[in-house]
Amino acid sequence: EMLLKKHSLEILFSQKFSLRDSLRRLVQTLLSEQAEKTFQVLLQQKKITLSKKDVWHVPSEMTLLHPQQEPFKKHLFDRCDDLNGEEMSLSKQIDNCDEVEWWLRNVVQDPDGFFIQGYRSSRFYPDFIVRTKKGAWWVLEYKGADRLGSIDTSYKEQIGQIWASICGKGHAFRLVTAENMPNVIEDICSHLT
């Protein structure tokens, strides 16, 4: 009704697809904002917990879409999925850490992949899972400089930190960048969690 007061029916009809798309974006934005607010309220009320239904188990096998040719000593399987140059650097450092029992390059969308469910409808599959000899779990998400500061990166870091907090002692989440990679590796190799 408000649109009809400002624009003729003919103009509105000619812009129907633009109007539809704008309304779809507006509804999606409002739903996302409400989901985040509800999530935060439930988190404060300590009603956000780990799912008993979706408990992750270390897989006995994993389908690799783009197997990495480089072999690793401590990767859970004889090969891992594709890595970019910076992820390869991180992988080699994890692999060379004496305190690491094993590590896994998580496969996105794999039914056996580890994921964290936040307030968005899509699941977050962190890049790496590291298990230390002392039993600590490190979940790592690598981001290149071009991704830092994005809404998606901030969301993943927030949800990862919440996951680690809910899990408690012996669980850590880190957003890894080229700049903080040496510190993260040092923390893993020094038993810090």
N, C-alpha and C. Protein backbone atom coordinates (compact mmCIF):
# COMPACT_ATOMS: atom_id res chain seq x y z
N GLU A 1 0.83 -1.18 0.00
CA GLU A 1 0.00 0.00 0.00
C GLU A 1 0.88 1.25 0.00
N MET A 2 1.95 1.23 0.81
CA MET A 2 2.85 2.39 0.84
C MET A 2 3.53 2.61 -0.50
N LEU A 3 3.89 1.52 -1.15
CA LEU A 3 4.53 1.64 -2.46
C LEU A 3 3.58 2.24 -3.49
N LEU A 4 2.30 1.86 -3.40
CA LEU A 4 1.32 2.40 -4.35
C LEU A 4 1.09 3.90 -4.15
N LYS A 5 1.32 4.38 -2.95
CA LYS A 5 1.17 5.82 -2.70
C LYS A 5 2.32 6.60 -3.34
N LYS A 6 3.50 5.95 -3.45
CA LYS A 6 4.67 6.63 -4.00
C LYS A 6 4.88 6.36 -5.48
N HIS A 7 4.40 5.21 -5.97
CA HIS A 7 4.68 4.79 -7.35
C HIS A 7 3.40 4.26 -8.00
N SER A 8 3.34 4.44 -9.30
CA SER A 8 2.18 3.91 -10.03
C SER A 8 2.30 2.39 -10.12
N LEU A 9 1.17 1.76 -10.34
CA LEU A 9 1.12 0.31 -10.50
C LEU A 9 1.94 -0.12 -11.71
N GLU A 10 1.95 0.69 -12.73
CA GLU A 10 2.71 0.39 -13.94
C GLU A 10 4.22 0.33 -13.64
N ILE A 11 4.72 1.29 -12.88
CA ILE A 11 6.15 1.32 -12.51
C ILE A 11 6.48 0.14 -11.60
N LEU A 12 5.62 -0.12 -10.64
CA LEU A 12 5.85 -1.26 -9.74
C LEU A 12 5.88 -2.57 -10.52
N PHE A 13 4.98 -2.71 -11.48
CA PHE A 13 4.93 -3.92 -12.29
C PHE A 13 6.22 -4.07 -13.11
N SER A 14 6.71 -2.99 -13.64
CA SER A 14 7.92 -3.05 -14.46
C SER A 14 9.16 -3.38 -13.62
N GLN A 15 9.08 -3.13 -12.34
CA GLN A 15 10.21 -3.41 -11.43
C GLN A 15 9.95 -4.62 -10.53
N LYS A 16 9.02 -5.47 -10.92
CA LYS A 16 8.60 -6.57 -10.05
C LYS A 16 9.75 -7.50 -9.64
N PHE A 17 10.68 -7.78 -10.54
CA PHE A 17 11.77 -8.69 -10.20
C PHE A 17 12.77 -8.03 -9.24
N SER A 18 13.03 -6.76 -9.46
CA SER A 18 13.89 -6.01 -8.54
C SER A 18 13.25 -5.92 -7.16
N LEU A 19 11.93 -5.67 -7.15
CA LEU A 19 11.21 -5.63 -5.87
C LEU A 19 11.26 -6.98 -5.16
N ARG A 20 11.04 -8.04 -5.92
CA ARG A 20 11.10 -9.39 -5.34
C ARG A 20 12.47 -9.65 -4.72
N ASP A 21 13.53 -9.33 -5.47
CA ASP A 21 14.89 -9.56 -4.98
C ASP A 21 15.19 -8.72 -3.75
N SER A 22 14.73 -7.48 -3.76
CA SER A 22 14.95 -6.60 -2.60
C SER A 22 14.22 -7.12 -1.37
N LEU A 23 12.99 -7.57 -1.57
CA LEU A 23 12.22 -8.12 -0.45
C LEU A 23 12.87 -9.40 0.08
N ARG A 24 13.36 -10.24 -0.82
CA ARG A 24 14.03 -11.47 -0.41
C ARG A 24 15.27 -11.15 0.46
N ARG A 25 16.07 -10.17 0.01
CA ARG A 25 17.26 -9.77 0.78
C ARG A 25 16.86 -9.20 2.14
N LEU A 26 15.82 -8.39 2.16
CA LEU A 26 15.37 -7.79 3.41
C LEU A 26 14.91 -8.87 4.39
N VAL A 27 14.11 -9.80 3.92
CA VAL A 27 13.61 -10.89 4.78
C VAL A 27 14.79 -11.73 5.29
N GLN A 28 15.75 -12.03 4.42
CA GLN A 28 16.91 -12.83 4.83
C GLN A 28 17.73 -12.09 5.88
N THR A 29 17.91 -10.80 5.70
CA THR A 29 18.64 -10.00 6.68
C THR A 29 17.92 -9.98 8.02
N LEU A 30 16.62 -9.78 8.01
CA LEU A 30 15.84 -9.76 9.25
C LEU A 30 15.88 -11.12 9.95
N LEU A 31 15.77 -12.21 9.18
CA LEU A 31 15.86 -13.55 9.76
C LEU A 31 17.23 -13.81 10.38
N SER A 32 18.28 -13.40 9.68
CA SER A 32 19.64 -13.60 10.19
C SER A 32 19.87 -12.81 11.47
N GLU A 33 19.41 -11.57 11.50
CA GLU A 33 19.56 -10.75 12.70
C GLU A 33 18.81 -11.36 13.88
N GLN A 34 17.59 -11.85 13.62
CA GLN A 34 16.81 -12.47 14.69
C GLN A 34 17.46 -13.77 15.16
N ALA A 35 17.99 -14.56 14.24
CA ALA A 35 18.66 -15.82 14.62
C ALA A 35 19.86 -15.53 15.51
N GLU A 36 20.63 -14.50 15.16
CA GLU A 36 21.80 -14.15 15.98
C GLU A 36 21.38 -13.66 17.37
N LYS A 37 20.35 -12.83 17.43
CA LYS A 37 19.87 -12.33 18.73
C LYS A 37 19.37 -13.49 19.60
N THR A 38 18.61 -14.39 19.01
CA THR A 38 18.10 -15.54 19.76
C THR A 38 19.25 -16.43 20.23
N PHE A 39 20.22 -16.65 19.37
CA PHE A 39 21.40 -17.44 19.72
C PHE A 39 22.12 -16.82 20.93
N GLN A 40 22.32 -15.51 20.90
CA GLN A 40 23.02 -14.82 22.00
C GLN A 40 22.24 -14.92 23.31
N VAL A 41 20.92 -14.79 23.25
CA VAL A 41 20.09 -14.93 24.46
C VAL A 41 20.22 -16.34 25.01
N LEU A 42 20.09 -17.34 24.14
CA LEU A 42 20.21 -18.73 24.59
C LEU A 42 21.60 -19.03 25.12
N LEU A 43 22.60 -18.43 24.54
CA LEU A 43 23.97 -18.61 25.01
C LEU A 43 24.13 -18.04 26.41
N GLN A 44 23.61 -16.85 26.64
CA GLN A 44 23.67 -16.23 27.97
C GLN A 44 22.91 -17.05 29.01
N GLN A 45 21.83 -17.70 28.57
CA GLN A 45 21.04 -18.54 29.47
C GLN A 45 21.64 -19.94 29.62
N LYS A 46 22.78 -20.16 28.98
CA LYS A 46 23.48 -21.45 28.99
C LYS A 46 22.61 -22.58 28.44
N LYS A 47 21.81 -22.24 27.44
CA LYS A 47 20.96 -23.24 26.78
C LYS A 47 21.56 -23.72 25.45
N ILE A 48 22.72 -23.16 25.08
CA ILE A 48 23.44 -23.65 23.91
C ILE A 48 24.42 -24.71 24.43
N THR A 49 24.25 -25.91 23.95
CA THR A 49 25.09 -27.02 24.42
C THR A 49 25.60 -27.82 23.23
N LEU A 50 26.44 -28.78 23.52
CA LEU A 50 26.91 -29.68 22.47
C LEU A 50 25.80 -30.66 22.14
N SER A 51 25.65 -30.96 20.88
CA SER A 51 24.61 -31.88 20.44
C SER A 51 24.98 -33.32 20.79
N LYS A 52 24.07 -34.01 21.42
CA LYS A 52 24.29 -35.43 21.69
C LYS A 52 24.01 -36.25 20.43
N LYS A 53 23.22 -35.69 19.53
CA LYS A 53 22.85 -36.37 18.30
C LYS A 53 23.98 -36.31 17.26
N ASP A 54 24.65 -35.16 17.19
CA ASP A 54 25.66 -34.95 16.16
C ASP A 54 27.08 -35.05 16.70
N VAL A 55 27.34 -35.99 17.58
CA VAL A 55 28.68 -36.16 18.15
C VAL A 55 29.63 -36.61 17.04
N TRP A 56 30.76 -35.93 16.94
CA TRP A 56 31.73 -36.28 15.90
C TRP A 56 32.61 -37.42 16.39
N HIS A 57 32.81 -38.37 15.53
CA HIS A 57 33.71 -39.49 15.80
C HIS A 57 34.85 -39.42 14.80
N VAL A 58 36.04 -39.73 15.26
CA VAL A 58 37.19 -39.73 14.37
C VAL A 58 36.90 -40.75 13.27
N PRO A 59 36.91 -40.32 12.02
CA PRO A 59 36.55 -41.23 10.93
C PRO A 59 37.62 -42.29 10.67
N SER A 60 37.18 -43.44 10.21
CA SER A 60 38.12 -44.50 9.84
C SER A 60 38.54 -44.36 8.38
N GLU A 61 37.78 -43.59 7.63
CA GLU A 61 38.14 -43.30 6.24
C GLU A 61 37.47 -41.99 5.85
N MET A 62 37.98 -41.38 4.79
CA MET A 62 37.44 -40.11 4.35
C MET A 62 37.64 -40.00 2.83
N THR A 63 36.64 -39.51 2.15
CA THR A 63 36.73 -39.34 0.70
C THR A 63 37.41 -38.01 0.41
N LEU A 64 38.48 -38.08 -0.36
CA LEU A 64 39.22 -36.88 -0.74
C LEU A 64 38.88 -36.51 -2.17
N LEU A 65 38.44 -35.28 -2.36
CA LEU A 65 38.09 -34.82 -3.70
C LEU A 65 39.32 -34.44 -4.50
N HIS A 66 40.31 -33.86 -3.83
CA HIS A 66 41.55 -33.43 -4.49
C HIS A 66 42.72 -33.82 -3.60
N PRO A 67 43.13 -35.09 -3.62
CA PRO A 67 44.19 -35.55 -2.72
C PRO A 67 45.50 -34.78 -2.91
N GLN A 68 46.08 -34.41 -1.81
CA GLN A 68 47.38 -33.75 -1.79
C GLN A 68 48.45 -34.81 -2.03
N GLN A 69 49.41 -34.54 -2.86
CA GLN A 69 50.43 -35.54 -3.17
C GLN A 69 51.49 -35.66 -2.09
N GLU A 70 51.69 -34.59 -1.36
CA GLU A 70 52.72 -34.60 -0.31
C GLU A 70 52.29 -35.52 0.85
N PRO A 71 53.13 -36.48 1.21
CA PRO A 71 52.79 -37.33 2.36
C PRO A 71 53.16 -36.62 3.67
N PHE A 72 52.42 -36.95 4.71
CA PHE A 72 52.69 -36.40 6.03
C PHE A 72 52.87 -37.54 7.01
N LYS A 73 53.64 -37.31 8.06
CA LYS A 73 53.91 -38.35 9.06
C LYS A 73 52.74 -38.54 10.02
N LYS A 74 52.09 -37.43 10.38
CA LYS A 74 51.11 -37.49 11.46
C LYS A 74 49.67 -37.24 11.01
N HIS A 75 49.46 -37.08 9.73
CA HIS A 75 48.08 -36.91 9.27
C HIS A 75 47.34 -38.22 9.54
N LEU A 76 46.09 -38.13 9.91
CA LEU A 76 45.30 -39.31 10.27
C LEU A 76 45.27 -40.35 9.16
N PHE A 77 45.34 -39.90 7.93
CA PHE A 77 45.35 -40.81 6.77
C PHE A 77 46.64 -40.61 5.99
N ASP A 78 46.90 -41.45 5.05
CA ASP A 78 48.16 -41.35 4.31
C ASP A 78 48.22 -40.10 3.43
N ARG A 79 47.11 -39.53 3.11
CA ARG A 79 47.05 -38.29 2.33
C ARG A 79 45.97 -37.39 2.92
N CYS A 80 46.05 -36.11 2.56
CA CYS A 80 44.99 -35.18 2.96
C CYS A 80 44.44 -34.50 1.73
N ASP A 81 43.36 -33.77 1.90
CA ASP A 81 42.76 -33.06 0.77
C ASP A 81 43.60 -31.83 0.43
N ASP A 82 43.30 -31.24 -0.69
CA ASP A 82 44.05 -30.13 -1.26
C ASP A 82 44.34 -29.02 -0.25
N LEU A 83 45.55 -28.47 -0.34
CA LEU A 83 45.98 -27.37 0.52
C LEU A 83 46.53 -26.25 -0.36
N ASN A 84 46.26 -25.01 0.01
CA ASN A 84 46.93 -23.91 -0.69
C ASN A 84 48.31 -23.73 -0.05
N GLY A 85 49.11 -22.82 -0.56
CA GLY A 85 50.48 -22.64 -0.08
C GLY A 85 50.59 -22.34 1.41
N GLU A 86 49.73 -21.46 1.91
CA GLU A 86 49.77 -21.09 3.32
C GLU A 86 49.28 -22.24 4.21
N GLU A 87 48.25 -22.95 3.75
CA GLU A 87 47.78 -24.12 4.51
C GLU A 87 48.83 -25.22 4.52
N MET A 88 49.58 -25.35 3.44
CA MET A 88 50.66 -26.33 3.39
C MET A 88 51.73 -25.99 4.42
N SER A 89 52.05 -24.73 4.53
CA SER A 89 53.03 -24.29 5.53
C SER A 89 52.56 -24.64 6.95
N LEU A 90 51.30 -24.35 7.23
CA LEU A 90 50.72 -24.68 8.54
C LEU A 90 50.74 -26.19 8.76
N SER A 91 50.36 -26.96 7.75
CA SER A 91 50.33 -28.42 7.86
C SER A 91 51.70 -29.00 8.18
N LYS A 92 52.72 -28.50 7.52
CA LYS A 92 54.08 -28.99 7.76
C LYS A 92 54.52 -28.69 9.19
N GLN A 93 54.15 -27.51 9.68
CA GLN A 93 54.54 -27.16 11.05
C GLN A 93 53.78 -28.02 12.08
N ILE A 94 52.53 -28.27 11.82
CA ILE A 94 51.76 -29.17 12.71
C ILE A 94 52.40 -30.55 12.68
N ASP A 95 52.71 -31.02 11.50
CA ASP A 95 53.26 -32.36 11.30
C ASP A 95 54.61 -32.52 12.00
N ASN A 96 55.36 -31.44 12.13
CA ASN A 96 56.68 -31.51 12.76
C ASN A 96 56.66 -31.26 14.26
N CYS A 97 55.51 -30.98 14.82
CA CYS A 97 55.40 -30.72 16.26
C CYS A 97 55.42 -32.05 17.02
N ASP A 98 56.38 -32.20 17.92
CA ASP A 98 56.53 -33.45 18.68
C ASP A 98 55.30 -33.78 19.52
N GLU A 99 54.58 -32.79 19.97
CA GLU A 99 53.45 -33.01 20.87
C GLU A 99 52.17 -33.43 20.13
N VAL A 100 52.19 -33.36 18.83
CA VAL A 100 51.00 -33.74 18.05
C VAL A 100 50.97 -35.26 17.87
N GLU A 101 49.85 -35.87 18.29
CA GLU A 101 49.65 -37.30 18.07
C GLU A 101 49.22 -37.52 16.62
N TRP A 102 48.20 -36.76 16.18
CA TRP A 102 47.74 -36.79 14.80
C TRP A 102 47.00 -35.51 14.48
N TRP A 103 46.84 -35.27 13.20
CA TRP A 103 46.04 -34.12 12.75
C TRP A 103 45.25 -34.54 11.52
N LEU A 104 44.23 -33.76 11.22
CA LEU A 104 43.33 -34.07 10.12
C LEU A 104 43.01 -32.79 9.36
N ARG A 105 43.13 -32.86 8.05
CA ARG A 105 42.63 -31.79 7.18
C ARG A 105 41.16 -32.11 7.00
N ASN A 106 40.32 -31.33 7.64
CA ASN A 106 38.88 -31.56 7.60
C ASN A 106 38.36 -31.38 6.17
N VAL A 107 37.46 -32.23 5.76
CA VAL A 107 36.89 -32.14 4.42
C VAL A 107 35.50 -31.49 4.54
N VAL A 108 35.33 -30.38 3.86
CA VAL A 108 34.08 -29.64 3.91
C VAL A 108 32.96 -30.48 3.29
N GLN A 109 31.84 -30.46 3.96
CA GLN A 109 30.62 -31.13 3.51
C GLN A 109 30.71 -32.65 3.51
N ASP A 110 31.80 -33.22 4.01
CA ASP A 110 31.89 -34.68 4.11
C ASP A 110 31.00 -35.12 5.27
N PRO A 111 30.22 -36.19 5.11
CA PRO A 111 29.36 -36.63 6.21
C PRO A 111 30.15 -37.00 7.47
N ASP A 112 31.44 -37.32 7.29
CA ASP A 112 32.28 -37.64 8.44
C ASP A 112 33.12 -36.45 8.90
N GLY A 113 32.94 -35.30 8.26
CA GLY A 113 33.70 -34.12 8.62
C GLY A 113 33.21 -33.50 9.92
N PHE A 114 34.12 -32.85 10.63
CA PHE A 114 33.79 -32.17 11.87
C PHE A 114 33.18 -30.81 11.53
N PHE A 115 32.07 -30.47 12.19
CA PHE A 115 31.46 -29.16 11.95
C PHE A 115 30.99 -28.55 13.26
N ILE A 116 30.85 -27.23 13.22
CA ILE A 116 30.30 -26.47 14.34
C ILE A 116 29.06 -25.77 13.81
N GLN A 117 27.95 -25.95 14.49
CA GLN A 117 26.71 -25.30 14.08
C GLN A 117 26.49 -24.05 14.91
N GLY A 118 26.42 -22.93 14.24
CA GLY A 118 26.15 -21.67 14.92
C GLY A 118 24.74 -21.21 14.64
N TYR A 119 24.54 -19.92 14.57
CA TYR A 119 23.19 -19.40 14.33
C TYR A 119 22.86 -19.27 12.85
N ARG A 120 23.81 -19.49 11.99
CA ARG A 120 23.52 -19.52 10.55
C ARG A 120 23.04 -20.91 10.17
N SER A 121 22.30 -20.99 9.08
CA SER A 121 21.76 -22.29 8.68
C SER A 121 22.84 -23.23 8.17
N SER A 122 23.91 -22.69 7.62
CA SER A 122 24.98 -23.57 7.10
C SER A 122 25.96 -23.92 8.22
N ARG A 123 26.50 -25.11 8.13
CA ARG A 123 27.48 -25.59 9.11
C ARG A 123 28.85 -25.01 8.81
N PHE A 124 29.66 -24.86 9.85
CA PHE A 124 31.02 -24.38 9.72
C PHE A 124 31.96 -25.58 9.88
N TYR A 125 32.71 -25.88 8.83
CA TYR A 125 33.68 -26.98 8.83
C TYR A 125 35.08 -26.38 8.95
N PRO A 126 35.66 -26.32 10.15
CA PRO A 126 37.01 -25.76 10.30
C PRO A 126 38.03 -26.57 9.48
N ASP A 127 39.13 -25.93 9.14
CA ASP A 127 40.11 -26.53 8.24
C ASP A 127 40.89 -27.70 8.84
N PHE A 128 41.25 -27.61 10.12
CA PHE A 128 42.12 -28.62 10.71
C PHE A 128 41.65 -29.03 12.10
N ILE A 129 41.83 -30.30 12.41
CA ILE A 129 41.63 -30.82 13.76
C ILE A 129 42.96 -31.44 14.18
N VAL A 130 43.43 -31.05 15.36
CA VAL A 130 44.72 -31.54 15.86
C VAL A 130 44.49 -32.20 17.22
N ARG A 131 45.02 -33.39 17.38
CA ARG A 131 44.95 -34.12 18.65
C ARG A 131 46.37 -34.22 19.19
N THR A 132 46.58 -33.76 20.43
CA THR A 132 47.92 -33.82 21.01
C THR A 132 48.10 -35.11 21.81
N LYS A 133 49.33 -35.41 22.12
CA LYS A 133 49.65 -36.61 22.89
C LYS A 133 49.08 -36.53 24.30
N LYS A 134 48.84 -35.32 24.79
CA LYS A 134 48.26 -35.13 26.14
C LYS A 134 46.73 -35.14 26.09
N GLY A 135 46.15 -35.36 24.91
CA GLY A 135 44.70 -35.48 24.81
C GLY A 135 43.95 -34.20 24.50
N ALA A 136 44.65 -33.12 24.22
CA ALA A 136 43.99 -31.86 23.90
C ALA A 136 43.52 -31.86 22.44
N TRP A 137 42.43 -31.14 22.21
CA TRP A 137 41.88 -30.97 20.86
C TRP A 137 42.08 -29.52 20.44
N TRP A 138 42.70 -29.33 19.30
CA TRP A 138 42.87 -28.01 18.71
C TRP A 138 42.10 -27.98 17.39
N VAL A 139 41.22 -27.03 17.23
CA VAL A 139 40.47 -26.85 15.99
C VAL A 139 40.96 -25.54 15.38
N LEU A 140 41.44 -25.62 14.14
CA LEU A 140 42.07 -24.48 13.49
C LEU A 140 41.36 -24.11 12.19
N GLU A 141 41.19 -22.82 11.99
CA GLU A 141 40.64 -22.30 10.74
C GLU A 141 41.66 -21.34 10.18
N TYR A 142 42.19 -21.66 9.01
CA TYR A 142 43.19 -20.80 8.39
C TYR A 142 42.52 -19.76 7.50
N LYS A 143 43.00 -18.52 7.59
CA LYS A 143 42.50 -17.46 6.71
C LYS A 143 43.67 -16.65 6.18
N GLY A 144 43.67 -16.46 4.87
CA GLY A 144 44.65 -15.60 4.23
C GLY A 144 44.33 -14.14 4.49
N ALA A 145 45.29 -13.28 4.19
CA ALA A 145 45.13 -11.85 4.46
C ALA A 145 43.91 -11.26 3.75
N ASP A 146 43.57 -11.82 2.59
CA ASP A 146 42.43 -11.29 1.83
C ASP A 146 41.09 -11.57 2.49
N ARG A 147 41.06 -12.48 3.45
CA ARG A 147 39.79 -12.86 4.10
C ARG A 147 39.64 -12.25 5.50
N LEU A 148 40.72 -11.70 6.03
CA LEU A 148 40.66 -11.14 7.39
C LEU A 148 39.72 -9.95 7.43
N GLY A 149 38.96 -9.86 8.50
CA GLY A 149 38.03 -8.75 8.66
C GLY A 149 36.70 -8.93 7.96
N SER A 150 36.53 -10.02 7.23
CA SER A 150 35.24 -10.22 6.57
C SER A 150 34.20 -10.67 7.59
N ILE A 151 32.95 -10.50 7.25
CA ILE A 151 31.85 -10.91 8.13
C ILE A 151 31.91 -12.41 8.36
N ASP A 152 32.19 -13.18 7.31
CA ASP A 152 32.26 -14.63 7.41
C ASP A 152 33.38 -15.07 8.34
N THR A 153 34.55 -14.46 8.23
CA THR A 153 35.68 -14.80 9.09
C THR A 153 35.37 -14.47 10.54
N SER A 154 34.79 -13.31 10.78
CA SER A 154 34.42 -12.92 12.16
C SER A 154 33.42 -13.89 12.76
N TYR A 155 32.45 -14.30 11.95
CA TYR A 155 31.45 -15.27 12.40
C TYR A 155 32.12 -16.59 12.79
N LYS A 156 32.98 -17.10 11.93
CA LYS A 156 33.65 -18.38 12.20
C LYS A 156 34.50 -18.30 13.47
N GLU A 157 35.21 -17.20 13.65
CA GLU A 157 36.02 -17.05 14.86
C GLU A 157 35.13 -17.01 16.10
N GLN A 158 34.03 -16.27 16.02
CA GLN A 158 33.10 -16.17 17.14
C GLN A 158 32.52 -17.55 17.50
N ILE A 159 32.04 -18.27 16.49
CA ILE A 159 31.42 -19.59 16.72
C ILE A 159 32.46 -20.59 17.22
N GLY A 160 33.67 -20.52 16.68
CA GLY A 160 34.74 -21.40 17.13
C GLY A 160 35.10 -21.16 18.59
N GLN A 161 35.18 -19.91 18.99
CA GLN A 161 35.49 -19.58 20.39
C GLN A 161 34.37 -20.04 21.32
N ILE A 162 33.14 -19.90 20.88
CA ILE A 162 32.00 -20.37 21.68
C ILE A 162 32.08 -21.88 21.84
N TRP A 163 32.37 -22.60 20.74
CA TRP A 163 32.52 -24.07 20.80
C TRP A 163 33.58 -24.46 21.83
N ALA A 164 34.75 -23.82 21.78
CA ALA A 164 35.83 -24.16 22.70
C ALA A 164 35.43 -23.87 24.15
N SER A 165 34.72 -22.78 24.36
CA SER A 165 34.27 -22.41 25.70
C SER A 165 33.27 -23.44 26.25
N ILE A 166 32.34 -23.86 25.41
CA ILE A 166 31.35 -24.85 25.85
C ILE A 166 32.02 -26.19 26.13
N CYS A 167 32.98 -26.57 25.30
CA CYS A 167 33.70 -27.85 25.50
C CYS A 167 34.54 -27.83 26.77
N GLY A 168 35.14 -26.70 27.06
CA GLY A 168 35.93 -26.57 28.28
C GLY A 168 37.39 -26.97 28.12
N LYS A 169 37.99 -27.29 29.25
CA LYS A 169 39.43 -27.59 29.31
C LYS A 169 39.80 -28.68 28.31
N GLY A 170 40.94 -28.46 27.67
CA GLY A 170 41.43 -29.44 26.71
C GLY A 170 40.93 -29.22 25.30
N HIS A 171 40.19 -28.12 25.07
CA HIS A 171 39.67 -27.80 23.74
C HIS A 171 40.02 -26.35 23.41
N ALA A 172 40.55 -26.14 22.23
CA ALA A 172 40.93 -24.79 21.82
C ALA A 172 40.56 -24.57 20.36
N PHE A 173 40.18 -23.36 20.05
CA PHE A 173 39.93 -22.95 18.67
C PHE A 173 40.83 -21.77 18.38
N ARG A 174 41.45 -21.78 17.21
CA ARG A 174 42.26 -20.64 16.79
C ARG A 174 41.99 -20.32 15.33
N LEU A 175 41.84 -19.04 15.07
CA LEU A 175 41.83 -18.53 13.71
C LEU A 175 43.30 -18.27 13.38
N VAL A 176 43.83 -18.98 12.40
CA VAL A 176 45.25 -18.91 12.09
C VAL A 176 45.46 -18.04 10.85
N THR A 177 46.45 -17.16 10.95
CA THR A 177 46.86 -16.31 9.84
C THR A 177 48.37 -16.48 9.65
N ALA A 178 48.90 -15.94 8.57
CA ALA A 178 50.34 -16.01 8.36
C ALA A 178 51.08 -15.32 9.52
N GLU A 179 50.48 -14.26 10.05
CA GLU A 179 51.13 -13.50 11.12
C GLU A 179 51.16 -14.24 12.46
N ASN A 180 50.06 -14.92 12.82
CA ASN A 180 50.02 -15.57 14.14
C ASN A 180 50.36 -17.05 14.09
N MET A 181 50.66 -17.58 12.91
CA MET A 181 50.94 -19.01 12.77
C MET A 181 52.05 -19.49 13.71
N PRO A 182 53.19 -18.78 13.82
CA PRO A 182 54.23 -19.25 14.75
C PRO A 182 53.75 -19.34 16.20
N ASN A 183 52.92 -18.39 16.63
CA ASN A 183 52.41 -18.41 18.00
C ASN A 183 51.44 -19.57 18.23
N VAL A 184 50.58 -19.85 17.25
CA VAL A 184 49.64 -20.96 17.37
C VAL A 184 50.40 -22.28 17.44
N ILE A 185 51.39 -22.45 16.57
CA ILE A 185 52.20 -23.67 16.59
C ILE A 185 52.92 -23.80 17.93
N GLU A 186 53.45 -22.72 18.43
CA GLU A 186 54.12 -22.76 19.73
C GLU A 186 53.14 -23.15 20.84
N ASP A 187 51.93 -22.62 20.81
CA ASP A 187 50.93 -22.99 21.81
C ASP A 187 50.60 -24.48 21.75
N ILE A 188 50.41 -25.01 20.53
CA ILE A 188 50.11 -26.43 20.39
C ILE A 188 51.27 -27.28 20.91
N CYS A 189 52.48 -26.90 20.53
CA CYS A 189 53.66 -27.67 20.91
C CYS A 189 54.03 -27.50 22.37
N SER A 190 53.45 -26.51 23.04
CA SER A 190 53.74 -26.26 24.45
C SER A 190 52.63 -26.73 25.37
N HIS A 191 51.70 -27.52 24.85
CA HIS A 191 50.58 -28.07 25.63
C HIS A 191 49.61 -27.02 26.12
N LEU A 192 49.54 -25.86 25.54
CA LEU A 192 48.63 -24.83 26.03
C LEU A 192 47.22 -25.07 25.50
N THR A 193 46.25 -25.20 26.38
CA THR A 193 44.83 -25.20 26.03
C THR A 193 44.05 -24.72 27.22
